Amino acid sequence: MKKALVIIITLLFSFMSTLSFAYDTDKDEAMILDTLVGRPLGVVALVTGTAVFVVGLPFSLLGHNTRDTAQNLVVNPAKFTFVRPVGDMGPDSNEY
């Protein structure tokens, strides 16, 4: 079990290192990597962020920062996953 987990983590890190250089490669390769790796990771970030937002909602209501919390945990991952053009992994992708 540990060996399989190490292999999966190694593969994910190798894909992520490829994604960091995807902006310098051909658009086709960037689109493929974004579709196979970036979008599924964006969905995972969206689901995780939504769960954390729901759990932390009472605390953000008490702190009067619900809008900022929702923006960072739900809206930004949703925009990254569903609004950003496929293959756009350049330096401007931080705005999503």
N, C-alpha and C. Protein backbone atom coordinates (compact mmCIF):
# COMPACT_ATOMS: atom_id res chain seq x y z
N MET A 1 0.82 -1.19 0.00
CA MET A 1 0.00 0.00 0.00
C MET A 1 0.86 1.26 0.00
N LYS A 2 1.93 1.25 0.84
CA LYS A 2 2.81 2.41 0.90
C LYS A 2 3.52 2.62 -0.43
N LYS A 3 3.91 1.53 -1.06
CA LYS A 3 4.64 1.63 -2.32
C LYS A 3 3.74 2.25 -3.41
N ALA A 4 2.48 1.85 -3.44
CA ALA A 4 1.55 2.40 -4.43
C ALA A 4 1.31 3.88 -4.16
N LEU A 5 1.20 4.27 -2.90
CA LEU A 5 1.01 5.67 -2.54
C LEU A 5 2.22 6.51 -2.94
N VAL A 6 3.40 5.99 -2.73
CA VAL A 6 4.63 6.70 -3.11
C VAL A 6 4.68 6.87 -4.62
N ILE A 7 4.31 5.86 -5.36
CA ILE A 7 4.31 5.94 -6.82
C ILE A 7 3.30 6.98 -7.31
N ILE A 8 2.11 6.98 -6.73
CA ILE A 8 1.08 7.95 -7.13
C ILE A 8 1.54 9.37 -6.83
N ILE A 9 2.09 9.59 -5.65
CA ILE A 9 2.57 10.93 -5.29
C ILE A 9 3.70 11.36 -6.21
N THR A 10 4.60 10.45 -6.54
CA THR A 10 5.70 10.77 -7.45
C THR A 10 5.17 11.15 -8.82
N LEU A 11 4.19 10.42 -9.32
CA LEU A 11 3.61 10.75 -10.62
C LEU A 11 2.92 12.11 -10.60
N LEU A 12 2.19 12.40 -9.53
CA LEU A 12 1.52 13.70 -9.43
C LEU A 12 2.53 14.84 -9.39
N PHE A 13 3.62 14.67 -8.63
CA PHE A 13 4.63 15.72 -8.59
C PHE A 13 5.32 15.88 -9.93
N SER A 14 5.51 14.79 -10.66
CA SER A 14 6.14 14.93 -11.98
C SER A 14 5.21 15.64 -12.95
N PHE A 15 3.90 15.40 -12.84
CA PHE A 15 2.96 16.14 -13.68
C PHE A 15 2.93 17.62 -13.31
N MET A 16 2.99 17.91 -12.02
CA MET A 16 2.96 19.30 -11.59
C MET A 16 4.21 20.05 -12.03
N SER A 17 5.35 19.39 -12.02
CA SER A 17 6.55 20.07 -12.48
C SER A 17 6.46 20.33 -13.98
N THR A 18 5.80 19.46 -14.70
CA THR A 18 5.59 19.68 -16.12
C THR A 18 4.63 20.84 -16.34
N LEU A 19 3.62 20.96 -15.47
CA LEU A 19 2.67 22.06 -15.61
C LEU A 19 3.32 23.42 -15.40
N SER A 20 4.33 23.48 -14.56
CA SER A 20 4.96 24.77 -14.30
C SER A 20 5.71 25.28 -15.53
N PHE A 21 6.09 24.38 -16.41
CA PHE A 21 6.77 24.78 -17.63
C PHE A 21 5.84 24.75 -18.84
N ALA A 22 4.55 24.49 -18.62
CA ALA A 22 3.61 24.33 -19.72
C ALA A 22 3.44 25.61 -20.52
N TYR A 23 3.65 26.76 -19.92
CA TYR A 23 3.48 28.02 -20.63
C TYR A 23 4.52 28.19 -21.72
N ASP A 24 5.71 27.59 -21.54
CA ASP A 24 6.78 27.72 -22.52
C ASP A 24 6.69 26.67 -23.63
N THR A 25 5.83 25.69 -23.49
CA THR A 25 5.73 24.62 -24.49
C THR A 25 4.66 24.98 -25.51
N ASP A 26 4.48 24.08 -26.43
CA ASP A 26 3.42 24.28 -27.43
C ASP A 26 2.06 24.30 -26.75
N LYS A 27 1.15 25.00 -27.36
CA LYS A 27 -0.20 25.15 -26.78
C LYS A 27 -0.91 23.80 -26.68
N ASP A 28 -0.64 22.89 -27.62
CA ASP A 28 -1.29 21.58 -27.59
C ASP A 28 -0.93 20.82 -26.32
N GLU A 29 0.35 20.80 -25.98
CA GLU A 29 0.79 20.07 -24.80
C GLU A 29 0.23 20.71 -23.53
N ALA A 30 0.20 22.03 -23.50
CA ALA A 30 -0.35 22.71 -22.33
C ALA A 30 -1.84 22.41 -22.17
N MET A 31 -2.56 22.34 -23.27
CA MET A 31 -3.99 22.04 -23.20
C MET A 31 -4.23 20.61 -22.72
N ILE A 32 -3.41 19.68 -23.18
CA ILE A 32 -3.56 18.28 -22.76
C ILE A 32 -3.27 18.15 -21.27
N LEU A 33 -2.16 18.74 -20.81
CA LEU A 33 -1.82 18.66 -19.39
C LEU A 33 -2.86 19.35 -18.53
N ASP A 34 -3.36 20.48 -19.01
CA ASP A 34 -4.37 21.19 -18.23
C ASP A 34 -5.65 20.37 -18.13
N THR A 35 -6.02 19.73 -19.22
CA THR A 35 -7.25 18.93 -19.22
C THR A 35 -7.11 17.68 -18.35
N LEU A 36 -5.95 17.03 -18.42
CA LEU A 36 -5.78 15.77 -17.69
C LEU A 36 -5.38 15.96 -16.23
N VAL A 37 -4.69 17.05 -15.91
CA VAL A 37 -4.18 17.22 -14.54
C VAL A 37 -4.75 18.47 -13.88
N GLY A 38 -4.67 19.60 -14.55
CA GLY A 38 -5.05 20.87 -13.93
C GLY A 38 -6.52 20.97 -13.58
N ARG A 39 -7.38 20.59 -14.49
CA ARG A 39 -8.83 20.68 -14.23
C ARG A 39 -9.28 19.72 -13.13
N PRO A 40 -8.85 18.44 -13.16
CA PRO A 40 -9.25 17.57 -12.04
C PRO A 40 -8.74 18.06 -10.69
N LEU A 41 -7.52 18.60 -10.65
CA LEU A 41 -7.01 19.16 -9.39
C LEU A 41 -7.81 20.39 -8.99
N GLY A 42 -8.28 21.16 -9.97
CA GLY A 42 -9.13 22.31 -9.67
C GLY A 42 -10.46 21.89 -9.07
N VAL A 43 -11.01 20.80 -9.57
CA VAL A 43 -12.27 20.29 -9.01
C VAL A 43 -12.05 19.82 -7.57
N VAL A 44 -10.92 19.14 -7.33
CA VAL A 44 -10.60 18.70 -5.96
C VAL A 44 -10.45 19.92 -5.05
N ALA A 45 -9.77 20.96 -5.53
CA ALA A 45 -9.61 22.17 -4.73
C ALA A 45 -10.95 22.84 -4.46
N LEU A 46 -11.84 22.82 -5.45
CA LEU A 46 -13.17 23.41 -5.28
C LEU A 46 -13.98 22.65 -4.24
N VAL A 47 -13.99 21.34 -4.32
CA VAL A 47 -14.76 20.53 -3.37
C VAL A 47 -14.18 20.67 -1.96
N THR A 48 -12.86 20.62 -1.84
CA THR A 48 -12.22 20.76 -0.54
C THR A 48 -12.46 22.16 0.04
N GLY A 49 -12.31 23.18 -0.79
CA GLY A 49 -12.53 24.55 -0.34
C GLY A 49 -13.97 24.78 0.10
N THR A 50 -14.91 24.19 -0.62
CA THR A 50 -16.32 24.32 -0.24
C THR A 50 -16.58 23.66 1.10
N ALA A 51 -16.00 22.48 1.31
CA ALA A 51 -16.18 21.79 2.59
C ALA A 51 -15.57 22.59 3.74
N VAL A 52 -14.39 23.14 3.51
CA VAL A 52 -13.75 23.95 4.55
C VAL A 52 -14.56 25.21 4.81
N PHE A 53 -15.11 25.79 3.75
CA PHE A 53 -15.93 27.00 3.90
C PHE A 53 -17.17 26.70 4.74
N VAL A 54 -17.83 25.60 4.48
CA VAL A 54 -19.04 25.25 5.22
C VAL A 54 -18.71 25.00 6.69
N VAL A 55 -17.59 24.31 6.96
CA VAL A 55 -17.21 24.05 8.34
C VAL A 55 -16.83 25.34 9.05
N GLY A 56 -16.14 26.23 8.35
CA GLY A 56 -15.68 27.46 8.97
C GLY A 56 -16.66 28.61 8.88
N LEU A 57 -17.84 28.41 8.30
CA LEU A 57 -18.81 29.48 8.13
C LEU A 57 -19.21 30.16 9.44
N PRO A 58 -19.48 29.42 10.50
CA PRO A 58 -19.83 30.13 11.74
C PRO A 58 -18.71 31.07 12.23
N PHE A 59 -17.48 30.65 12.05
CA PHE A 59 -16.36 31.47 12.51
C PHE A 59 -16.16 32.69 11.62
N SER A 60 -16.36 32.51 10.31
CA SER A 60 -16.22 33.67 9.42
C SER A 60 -17.38 34.65 9.61
N LEU A 61 -18.56 34.14 9.97
CA LEU A 61 -19.67 35.03 10.29
C LEU A 61 -19.36 35.86 11.54
N LEU A 62 -18.77 35.21 12.54
CA LEU A 62 -18.40 35.93 13.76
C LEU A 62 -17.30 36.95 13.49
N GLY A 63 -16.40 36.64 12.56
CA GLY A 63 -15.29 37.54 12.26
C GLY A 63 -15.62 38.56 11.18
N HIS A 64 -16.84 38.51 10.65
CA HIS A 64 -17.29 39.44 9.60
C HIS A 64 -16.39 39.41 8.36
N ASN A 65 -15.91 38.24 7.99
CA ASN A 65 -15.11 38.12 6.79
C ASN A 65 -15.60 36.98 5.89
N THR A 66 -16.90 36.81 5.84
CA THR A 66 -17.51 35.74 5.04
C THR A 66 -17.24 35.93 3.56
N ARG A 67 -17.29 37.16 3.08
CA ARG A 67 -17.08 37.42 1.66
C ARG A 67 -15.65 37.04 1.23
N ASP A 68 -14.66 37.43 2.03
CA ASP A 68 -13.27 37.08 1.71
C ASP A 68 -13.04 35.58 1.76
N THR A 69 -13.64 34.93 2.76
CA THR A 69 -13.50 33.49 2.91
C THR A 69 -14.12 32.77 1.72
N ALA A 70 -15.31 33.19 1.32
CA ALA A 70 -15.98 32.57 0.18
C ALA A 70 -15.18 32.80 -1.10
N GLN A 71 -14.64 33.99 -1.26
CA GLN A 71 -13.85 34.32 -2.46
C GLN A 71 -12.64 33.40 -2.57
N ASN A 72 -11.91 33.24 -1.47
CA ASN A 72 -10.67 32.47 -1.51
C ASN A 72 -10.88 30.97 -1.54
N LEU A 73 -11.92 30.48 -0.89
CA LEU A 73 -12.10 29.04 -0.79
C LEU A 73 -13.03 28.45 -1.84
N VAL A 74 -13.95 29.24 -2.38
CA VAL A 74 -14.93 28.69 -3.32
C VAL A 74 -14.84 29.35 -4.70
N VAL A 75 -14.88 30.67 -4.74
CA VAL A 75 -14.97 31.37 -6.03
C VAL A 75 -13.69 31.24 -6.84
N ASN A 76 -12.53 31.47 -6.22
CA ASN A 76 -11.27 31.38 -6.97
C ASN A 76 -11.02 29.99 -7.55
N PRO A 77 -11.20 28.88 -6.77
CA PRO A 77 -11.05 27.56 -7.40
C PRO A 77 -12.08 27.29 -8.50
N ALA A 78 -13.30 27.82 -8.34
CA ALA A 78 -14.32 27.62 -9.38
C ALA A 78 -13.93 28.35 -10.66
N LYS A 79 -13.44 29.58 -10.53
CA LYS A 79 -13.00 30.31 -11.72
C LYS A 79 -11.80 29.63 -12.37
N PHE A 80 -10.86 29.16 -11.54
CA PHE A 80 -9.68 28.47 -12.06
C PHE A 80 -10.09 27.23 -12.84
N THR A 81 -11.11 26.52 -12.35
CA THR A 81 -11.50 25.27 -12.98
C THR A 81 -12.41 25.47 -14.18
N PHE A 82 -13.37 26.38 -14.09
CA PHE A 82 -14.41 26.44 -15.11
C PHE A 82 -14.38 27.68 -16.00
N VAL A 83 -13.69 28.75 -15.61
CA VAL A 83 -13.72 29.99 -16.39
C VAL A 83 -12.45 30.18 -17.20
N ARG A 84 -11.31 29.78 -16.64
CA ARG A 84 -10.01 29.96 -17.28
C ARG A 84 -9.96 29.19 -18.60
N PRO A 85 -9.36 29.80 -19.65
CA PRO A 85 -9.22 29.08 -20.92
C PRO A 85 -8.34 27.84 -20.75
N VAL A 86 -8.68 26.79 -21.47
CA VAL A 86 -7.92 25.54 -21.38
C VAL A 86 -6.50 25.78 -21.88
N GLY A 87 -5.54 25.35 -21.09
CA GLY A 87 -4.14 25.48 -21.44
C GLY A 87 -3.51 26.77 -20.99
N ASP A 88 -4.27 27.67 -20.39
CA ASP A 88 -3.74 28.95 -19.94
C ASP A 88 -3.13 28.78 -18.54
N MET A 89 -1.86 28.45 -18.50
CA MET A 89 -1.17 28.25 -17.23
C MET A 89 -0.07 29.28 -17.04
N GLY A 90 -0.20 30.41 -17.71
CA GLY A 90 0.81 31.44 -17.66
C GLY A 90 0.81 32.23 -16.37
N PRO A 91 1.63 33.25 -16.30
CA PRO A 91 1.74 34.03 -15.06
C PRO A 91 0.46 34.76 -14.69
N ASP A 92 -0.43 34.99 -15.63
CA ASP A 92 -1.68 35.68 -15.33
C ASP A 92 -2.73 34.77 -14.71
N SER A 93 -2.44 33.47 -14.59
CA SER A 93 -3.43 32.54 -14.04
C SER A 93 -3.64 32.74 -12.55
N ASN A 94 -2.81 33.56 -11.89
CA ASN A 94 -3.02 33.83 -10.46
C ASN A 94 -4.24 34.68 -10.22
N GLU A 95 -4.75 35.35 -11.24
CA GLU A 95 -5.92 36.21 -11.05
C GLU A 95 -7.20 35.42 -10.93
N TYR A 96 -7.19 34.13 -11.24
CA TYR A 96 -8.40 33.33 -11.19
C TYR A 96 -8.63 32.79 -9.81
